[in-house]
């Protein structure tokens, strides 16, 4: 039984490496505001539609990894789940990084307005020493 699992894992790893070589996926996590450019098929035409919102969670791993993006559209909360390596995703761009202490931000579903804001993560900057400032 274990040999079969190793073969499955090996095949999944090969597929993952093949798919991730063609796509560049930025590092992002829960709390980050992302723009997902999705290919939309309308009749015979395809166009790219931007879906901007807060990533409220990631799940799965490898080929099966997906992430959920939540946005407020016309006063109504809308969530959409995207498979990470989906061919329908044109590109993913991280707009801002959020500072959160949870892996799943499902509590945002109950919050409205300013209470649903996420604090932006500050990059660590080196402070000038006090001794250098006095000299």
N, C-alpha and C. Protein backbone atom coordinates (compact mmCIF):
# COMPACT_ATOMS: atom_id res chain seq x y z
N UNK A 1 0.83 -1.20 0.00
CA UNK A 1 0.00 0.00 0.00
C UNK A 1 0.87 1.26 0.00
N UNK A 2 1.98 1.21 0.74
CA UNK A 2 2.83 2.39 0.86
C UNK A 2 3.52 2.71 -0.47
N UNK A 3 3.83 1.69 -1.25
CA UNK A 3 4.48 1.91 -2.54
C UNK A 3 3.54 2.67 -3.47
N UNK A 4 2.25 2.33 -3.43
CA UNK A 4 1.26 3.02 -4.26
C UNK A 4 1.16 4.49 -3.86
N UNK A 5 1.21 4.77 -2.56
CA UNK A 5 1.14 6.15 -2.09
C UNK A 5 2.36 6.94 -2.56
N UNK A 6 3.52 6.29 -2.53
CA UNK A 6 4.73 6.97 -2.98
C UNK A 6 4.65 7.31 -4.46
N UNK A 7 4.06 6.41 -5.25
CA UNK A 7 3.91 6.65 -6.68
C UNK A 7 2.96 7.82 -6.91
N UNK A 8 1.85 7.85 -6.16
CA UNK A 8 0.89 8.94 -6.29
C UNK A 8 1.54 10.27 -5.90
N UNK A 9 2.26 10.27 -4.79
CA UNK A 9 2.94 11.49 -4.35
C UNK A 9 3.97 11.94 -5.38
N UNK A 10 4.67 10.99 -5.96
CA UNK A 10 5.69 11.32 -6.96
C UNK A 10 5.04 11.92 -8.21
N UNK A 11 3.92 11.33 -8.65
CA UNK A 11 3.21 11.87 -9.82
C UNK A 11 2.67 13.27 -9.54
N UNK A 12 2.11 13.46 -8.34
CA UNK A 12 1.60 14.79 -7.98
C UNK A 12 2.72 15.82 -7.94
N UNK A 13 3.87 15.42 -7.41
CA UNK A 13 5.01 16.34 -7.35
C UNK A 13 5.48 16.72 -8.75
N UNK A 14 5.52 15.75 -9.67
CA UNK A 14 5.92 16.04 -11.05
C UNK A 14 4.95 17.02 -11.70
N UNK A 15 3.65 16.77 -11.51
CA UNK A 15 2.62 17.66 -12.07
C UNK A 15 2.73 19.05 -11.46
N UNK A 16 2.93 19.11 -10.14
CA UNK A 16 3.05 20.40 -9.45
C UNK A 16 4.24 21.18 -9.98
N UNK A 17 5.38 20.51 -10.14
CA UNK A 17 6.58 21.18 -10.64
C UNK A 17 6.38 21.68 -12.06
N UNK A 18 5.68 20.87 -12.88
CA UNK A 18 5.42 21.25 -14.27
C UNK A 18 4.51 22.49 -14.34
N UNK A 19 3.45 22.49 -13.51
CA UNK A 19 2.51 23.61 -13.53
C UNK A 19 3.10 24.87 -12.91
N UNK A 20 3.85 24.71 -11.82
CA UNK A 20 4.41 25.89 -11.14
C UNK A 20 5.58 26.49 -11.93
N UNK A 21 6.16 25.74 -12.86
CA UNK A 21 7.23 26.29 -13.69
C UNK A 21 6.67 27.30 -14.68
N UNK A 22 5.43 27.10 -15.13
CA UNK A 22 4.83 28.01 -16.11
C UNK A 22 4.20 29.23 -15.44
N UNK A 23 3.77 29.11 -14.18
CA UNK A 23 3.11 30.21 -13.48
C UNK A 23 4.00 30.76 -12.38
N UNK A 24 3.91 32.08 -12.19
CA UNK A 24 4.60 32.68 -11.06
C UNK A 24 3.54 33.08 -10.04
N UNK A 25 3.57 32.43 -8.91
CA UNK A 25 2.59 32.67 -7.85
C UNK A 25 3.30 33.40 -6.72
N UNK A 26 2.85 34.62 -6.39
CA UNK A 26 3.51 35.35 -5.30
C UNK A 26 3.19 34.73 -3.95
N UNK A 27 4.03 35.02 -2.97
CA UNK A 27 3.75 34.57 -1.61
C UNK A 27 2.70 35.46 -1.00
N UNK A 28 1.61 34.87 -0.55
CA UNK A 28 0.56 35.62 0.13
C UNK A 28 -0.14 34.69 1.09
N UNK A 29 -0.83 35.29 2.05
CA UNK A 29 -1.52 34.49 3.05
C UNK A 29 -2.77 35.19 3.51
N UNK A 30 -3.38 34.68 4.55
CA UNK A 30 -4.59 35.30 5.09
C UNK A 30 -4.32 36.73 5.53
N UNK A 31 -5.26 37.62 5.24
CA UNK A 31 -5.12 39.02 5.60
C UNK A 31 -4.56 39.88 4.50
N UNK A 32 -3.95 39.27 3.50
CA UNK A 32 -3.38 40.03 2.40
C UNK A 32 -4.47 40.40 1.39
N UNK A 33 -4.41 41.62 0.88
CA UNK A 33 -5.33 42.05 -0.17
C UNK A 33 -4.69 41.69 -1.50
N UNK A 34 -5.43 40.92 -2.31
CA UNK A 34 -4.89 40.44 -3.58
C UNK A 34 -5.82 40.81 -4.73
N UNK A 35 -5.24 40.94 -5.92
CA UNK A 35 -6.01 41.09 -7.15
C UNK A 35 -5.78 39.82 -7.95
N UNK A 36 -6.87 39.08 -8.20
CA UNK A 36 -6.80 37.86 -8.98
C UNK A 36 -7.39 38.17 -10.35
N UNK A 37 -6.59 38.07 -11.40
CA UNK A 37 -7.08 38.27 -12.76
C UNK A 37 -7.57 36.92 -13.28
N UNK A 38 -8.89 36.84 -13.49
CA UNK A 38 -9.53 35.58 -13.87
C UNK A 38 -9.96 35.64 -15.32
N UNK A 39 -9.72 34.56 -16.06
CA UNK A 39 -10.19 34.48 -17.44
C UNK A 39 -11.67 34.12 -17.42
N UNK A 40 -12.48 34.94 -18.09
CA UNK A 40 -13.93 34.72 -18.14
C UNK A 40 -14.30 34.44 -19.58
N UNK A 41 -15.05 33.34 -19.81
CA UNK A 41 -15.48 32.98 -21.15
C UNK A 41 -16.91 33.46 -21.35
N UNK A 42 -17.09 34.31 -22.35
CA UNK A 42 -18.43 34.80 -22.70
C UNK A 42 -18.68 34.45 -24.15
N UNK A 43 -19.46 33.40 -24.38
CA UNK A 43 -19.70 32.93 -25.75
C UNK A 43 -18.41 32.37 -26.32
N UNK A 44 -17.93 33.01 -27.38
CA UNK A 44 -16.68 32.56 -28.00
C UNK A 44 -15.49 33.41 -27.57
N UNK A 45 -15.78 34.55 -26.90
CA UNK A 45 -14.71 35.44 -26.48
C UNK A 45 -14.26 35.14 -25.06
N UNK A 46 -12.99 35.35 -24.79
CA UNK A 46 -12.50 35.27 -23.42
C UNK A 46 -11.90 36.62 -23.05
N UNK A 47 -12.17 37.04 -21.83
CA UNK A 47 -11.60 38.29 -21.34
C UNK A 47 -11.07 38.06 -19.93
N UNK A 48 -10.29 39.01 -19.45
CA UNK A 48 -9.71 38.91 -18.12
C UNK A 48 -10.45 39.86 -17.19
N UNK A 49 -10.93 39.33 -16.07
CA UNK A 49 -11.67 40.12 -15.10
C UNK A 49 -10.88 40.15 -13.79
N UNK A 50 -10.72 41.34 -13.22
CA UNK A 50 -9.97 41.49 -11.97
C UNK A 50 -10.92 41.30 -10.79
N UNK A 51 -10.51 40.48 -9.83
CA UNK A 51 -11.28 40.23 -8.62
C UNK A 51 -10.39 40.60 -7.45
N UNK A 52 -10.69 41.73 -6.81
CA UNK A 52 -9.86 42.22 -5.71
C UNK A 52 -10.56 42.02 -4.38
N UNK A 53 -9.84 41.47 -3.42
CA UNK A 53 -10.40 41.27 -2.10
C UNK A 53 -9.35 40.78 -1.12
N UNK A 54 -9.82 40.46 0.07
CA UNK A 54 -8.94 40.00 1.14
C UNK A 54 -8.91 38.47 1.13
N UNK A 55 -7.72 37.91 1.16
CA UNK A 55 -7.58 36.46 1.27
C UNK A 55 -7.95 36.08 2.70
N UNK A 56 -8.99 35.24 2.86
CA UNK A 56 -9.42 34.88 4.22
C UNK A 56 -8.97 33.48 4.60
N UNK A 57 -8.26 32.79 3.69
CA UNK A 57 -7.75 31.49 4.06
C UNK A 57 -7.18 30.74 2.87
N UNK A 58 -6.27 29.84 3.18
CA UNK A 58 -5.72 28.92 2.19
C UNK A 58 -5.95 27.51 2.71
N UNK A 59 -6.18 26.58 1.80
CA UNK A 59 -6.38 25.21 2.23
C UNK A 59 -5.79 24.25 1.21
N UNK A 60 -5.52 23.04 1.67
CA UNK A 60 -4.96 22.02 0.80
C UNK A 60 -3.47 22.20 0.65
N UNK A 61 -2.91 21.42 -0.26
CA UNK A 61 -1.48 21.49 -0.50
C UNK A 61 -1.15 20.88 -1.84
N UNK A 62 -0.04 21.30 -2.41
CA UNK A 62 0.37 20.75 -3.69
C UNK A 62 -0.58 21.15 -4.81
N UNK A 63 -1.02 20.16 -5.57
CA UNK A 63 -1.93 20.41 -6.69
C UNK A 63 -3.30 20.85 -6.23
N UNK A 64 -3.70 20.42 -5.05
CA UNK A 64 -5.05 20.67 -4.56
C UNK A 64 -5.18 21.95 -3.75
N UNK A 65 -4.15 22.77 -3.71
CA UNK A 65 -4.20 23.97 -2.88
C UNK A 65 -5.15 25.00 -3.47
N UNK A 66 -5.93 25.62 -2.58
CA UNK A 66 -6.86 26.67 -3.01
C UNK A 66 -6.84 27.79 -1.98
N UNK A 67 -7.40 28.94 -2.37
CA UNK A 67 -7.48 30.08 -1.46
C UNK A 67 -8.82 30.77 -1.67
N UNK A 68 -9.31 31.39 -0.60
CA UNK A 68 -10.60 32.07 -0.63
C UNK A 68 -10.37 33.57 -0.54
N UNK A 69 -11.04 34.30 -1.44
CA UNK A 69 -10.93 35.76 -1.46
C UNK A 69 -12.31 36.34 -1.18
N UNK A 70 -12.37 37.29 -0.26
CA UNK A 70 -13.63 37.94 0.12
C UNK A 70 -13.59 39.41 -0.23
N UNK A 71 -14.67 39.88 -0.85
CA UNK A 71 -14.79 41.30 -1.13
C UNK A 71 -16.22 41.74 -0.88
N UNK A 72 -16.40 43.04 -0.70
CA UNK A 72 -17.73 43.60 -0.51
C UNK A 72 -18.15 44.21 -1.83
N UNK A 73 -19.21 43.67 -2.44
CA UNK A 73 -19.70 44.15 -3.72
C UNK A 73 -21.10 44.71 -3.54
N UNK A 74 -21.24 46.02 -3.73
CA UNK A 74 -22.53 46.71 -3.57
C UNK A 74 -23.14 46.44 -2.21
N UNK A 75 -22.30 46.48 -1.16
CA UNK A 75 -22.78 46.30 0.20
C UNK A 75 -23.02 44.87 0.61
N UNK A 76 -22.75 43.93 -0.26
CA UNK A 76 -22.97 42.51 0.02
C UNK A 76 -21.62 41.80 -0.01
N UNK A 77 -21.36 40.95 0.98
CA UNK A 77 -20.11 40.21 1.02
C UNK A 77 -20.12 39.07 0.01
N UNK A 78 -19.06 38.98 -0.79
CA UNK A 78 -18.95 37.93 -1.80
C UNK A 78 -17.63 37.21 -1.59
N UNK A 79 -17.69 35.89 -1.51
CA UNK A 79 -16.48 35.08 -1.37
C UNK A 79 -16.34 34.18 -2.58
N UNK A 80 -15.11 34.00 -3.01
CA UNK A 80 -14.86 33.13 -4.14
C UNK A 80 -13.63 32.27 -3.83
N UNK A 81 -13.74 30.99 -4.13
CA UNK A 81 -12.64 30.06 -3.88
C UNK A 81 -11.93 29.80 -5.21
N UNK A 82 -10.62 29.99 -5.22
CA UNK A 82 -9.82 29.78 -6.42
C UNK A 82 -8.84 28.63 -6.19
N UNK A 83 -8.79 27.64 -7.09
CA UNK A 83 -7.68 26.68 -7.04
C UNK A 83 -6.39 27.43 -7.43
N UNK A 84 -5.33 27.22 -6.68
CA UNK A 84 -4.10 27.99 -6.86
C UNK A 84 -3.50 27.81 -8.26
N UNK A 85 -3.53 26.60 -8.78
CA UNK A 85 -2.91 26.32 -10.08
C UNK A 85 -3.94 26.21 -11.20
N UNK A 86 -5.09 26.87 -11.04
CA UNK A 86 -6.14 26.81 -12.05
C UNK A 86 -5.70 27.48 -13.34
N UNK A 87 -6.02 26.88 -14.50
CA UNK A 87 -5.69 27.54 -15.76
C UNK A 87 -6.54 28.79 -16.01
N UNK A 88 -7.63 28.95 -15.25
CA UNK A 88 -8.49 30.12 -15.41
C UNK A 88 -7.91 31.36 -14.72
N UNK A 89 -6.91 31.18 -13.87
CA UNK A 89 -6.27 32.32 -13.22
C UNK A 89 -5.15 32.82 -14.12
N UNK A 90 -5.27 34.09 -14.54
CA UNK A 90 -4.27 34.70 -15.40
C UNK A 90 -3.07 35.14 -14.58
N UNK A 91 -3.33 35.86 -13.48
CA UNK A 91 -2.24 36.31 -12.61
C UNK A 91 -2.79 36.66 -11.23
N UNK A 92 -1.89 36.68 -10.25
CA UNK A 92 -2.23 37.07 -8.88
C UNK A 92 -1.25 38.16 -8.47
N UNK A 93 -1.79 39.25 -7.91
CA UNK A 93 -0.93 40.36 -7.47
C UNK A 93 -1.29 40.71 -6.04
N UNK A 94 -0.29 40.84 -5.19
CA UNK A 94 -0.51 41.23 -3.79
C UNK A 94 -0.47 42.76 -3.72
N UNK A 95 -1.58 43.36 -3.26
CA UNK A 95 -1.69 44.81 -3.17
C UNK A 95 -1.13 45.30 -1.84
N UNK A 96 -1.55 44.68 -0.74
CA UNK A 96 -1.04 45.06 0.58
C UNK A 96 -1.04 43.84 1.48
N UNK A 97 -0.12 43.85 2.43
CA UNK A 97 0.01 42.73 3.37
C UNK A 97 -0.73 43.08 4.65
N UNK A 98 -1.53 42.15 5.14
CA UNK A 98 -2.28 42.38 6.36
C UNK A 98 -1.66 41.68 7.55
N UNK A 99 -1.79 42.30 8.72
CA UNK A 99 -1.24 41.72 9.95
C UNK A 99 -2.37 41.02 10.68
N UNK A 100 -2.37 39.70 10.65
CA UNK A 100 -3.40 38.90 11.32
C UNK A 100 -2.74 37.79 12.13
N UNK A 101 -3.49 37.25 13.09
CA UNK A 101 -2.95 36.19 13.94
C UNK A 101 -3.77 34.92 13.81
N UNK A 102 -4.43 34.76 12.69
CA UNK A 102 -5.26 33.58 12.44
C UNK A 102 -4.95 33.04 11.04
N UNK A 103 -5.15 31.74 10.87
CA UNK A 103 -4.97 31.14 9.55
C UNK A 103 -6.24 31.26 8.72
N UNK A 104 -7.40 31.30 9.38
CA UNK A 104 -8.68 31.44 8.69
C UNK A 104 -9.39 32.66 9.26
N UNK A 105 -9.78 33.57 8.41
CA UNK A 105 -10.40 34.83 8.85
C UNK A 105 -11.91 34.80 8.67
N UNK A 106 -12.55 33.71 9.08
CA UNK A 106 -13.99 33.57 8.89
C UNK A 106 -14.77 34.55 9.76
N UNK A 107 -14.14 35.10 10.80
CA UNK A 107 -14.82 36.06 11.66
C UNK A 107 -15.15 37.35 10.91
N UNK A 108 -14.49 37.60 9.78
CA UNK A 108 -14.77 38.81 8.99
C UNK A 108 -16.17 38.77 8.39
N UNK A 109 -16.76 37.58 8.28
CA UNK A 109 -18.10 37.46 7.71
C UNK A 109 -19.14 38.18 8.55
N UNK A 110 -18.91 38.25 9.86
CA UNK A 110 -19.87 38.88 10.77
C UNK A 110 -19.64 40.38 10.90
N UNK A 111 -18.47 40.86 10.49
CA UNK A 111 -18.12 42.26 10.69
C UNK A 111 -18.46 43.11 9.47
N UNK A 112 -18.79 44.38 9.73
CA UNK A 112 -19.13 45.33 8.67
C UNK A 112 -18.34 46.62 8.87
N UNK A 113 -18.05 47.30 7.80
CA UNK A 113 -17.46 48.64 7.88
C UNK A 113 -16.06 48.67 8.46
N UNK A 114 -15.84 49.64 9.35
CA UNK A 114 -14.49 49.86 9.88
C UNK A 114 -14.02 48.72 10.78
N UNK A 115 -14.95 47.99 11.39
CA UNK A 115 -14.54 46.88 12.26
C UNK A 115 -13.96 45.72 11.45
N UNK A 116 -14.24 45.69 10.15
CA UNK A 116 -13.74 44.62 9.30
C UNK A 116 -12.38 44.94 8.69
N UNK A 117 -11.81 46.09 9.08
CA UNK A 117 -10.50 46.46 8.53
C UNK A 117 -9.40 45.57 9.09
N UNK A 118 -8.36 45.41 8.29
CA UNK A 118 -7.19 44.64 8.72
C UNK A 118 -6.00 45.59 8.72
N UNK A 119 -5.25 45.58 9.81
CA UNK A 119 -4.09 46.46 9.96
C UNK A 119 -3.01 46.01 8.97
N UNK A 120 -2.36 46.99 8.33
CA UNK A 120 -1.32 46.67 7.37
C UNK A 120 -0.04 46.27 8.09
N UNK A 121 0.62 45.26 7.56
CA UNK A 121 1.87 44.77 8.14
C UNK A 121 2.99 45.75 7.80
N UNK A 122 3.72 46.16 8.81
CA UNK A 122 4.83 47.10 8.61
C UNK A 122 6.12 46.32 8.41
N UNK A 123 6.89 46.71 7.40
CA UNK A 123 8.20 46.10 7.19
C UNK A 123 9.15 46.61 8.25
N UNK A 124 10.01 45.74 8.73
CA UNK A 124 10.97 46.14 9.75
C UNK A 124 12.03 47.04 9.11
N UNK A 125 12.20 48.22 9.70
CA UNK A 125 13.20 49.17 9.22
C UNK A 125 14.25 49.37 10.31
N UNK A 126 15.48 49.54 9.88
CA UNK A 126 16.55 49.75 10.86
C UNK A 126 16.49 51.17 11.38
N UNK A 127 16.50 51.29 12.70
CA UNK A 127 16.50 52.62 13.32
C UNK A 127 17.94 53.11 13.43
N UNK A 128 18.15 54.40 13.21
CA UNK A 128 19.51 54.92 13.42
C UNK A 128 19.82 54.92 14.91
N UNK A 129 21.06 54.56 15.26
CA UNK A 129 21.47 54.53 16.67
C UNK A 129 21.46 55.94 17.25
N UNK A 130 21.18 56.01 18.55
CA UNK A 130 21.17 57.32 19.23
C UNK A 130 22.57 57.92 19.26
N UNK A 131 23.59 57.06 19.41
CA UNK A 131 24.97 57.54 19.45
C UNK A 131 25.37 58.17 18.12
N UNK A 132 24.95 57.56 17.03
CA UNK A 132 25.29 58.09 15.72
C UNK A 132 24.59 59.42 15.46
N UNK A 133 23.41 59.58 16.05
CA UNK A 133 22.64 60.82 15.85
C UNK A 133 23.26 61.98 16.62
N UNK A 134 23.87 61.70 17.79
CA UNK A 134 24.44 62.78 18.61
C UNK A 134 25.79 63.25 18.09
N UNK A 135 26.52 62.41 17.38
CA UNK A 135 27.85 62.79 16.88
C UNK A 135 27.78 63.67 15.68
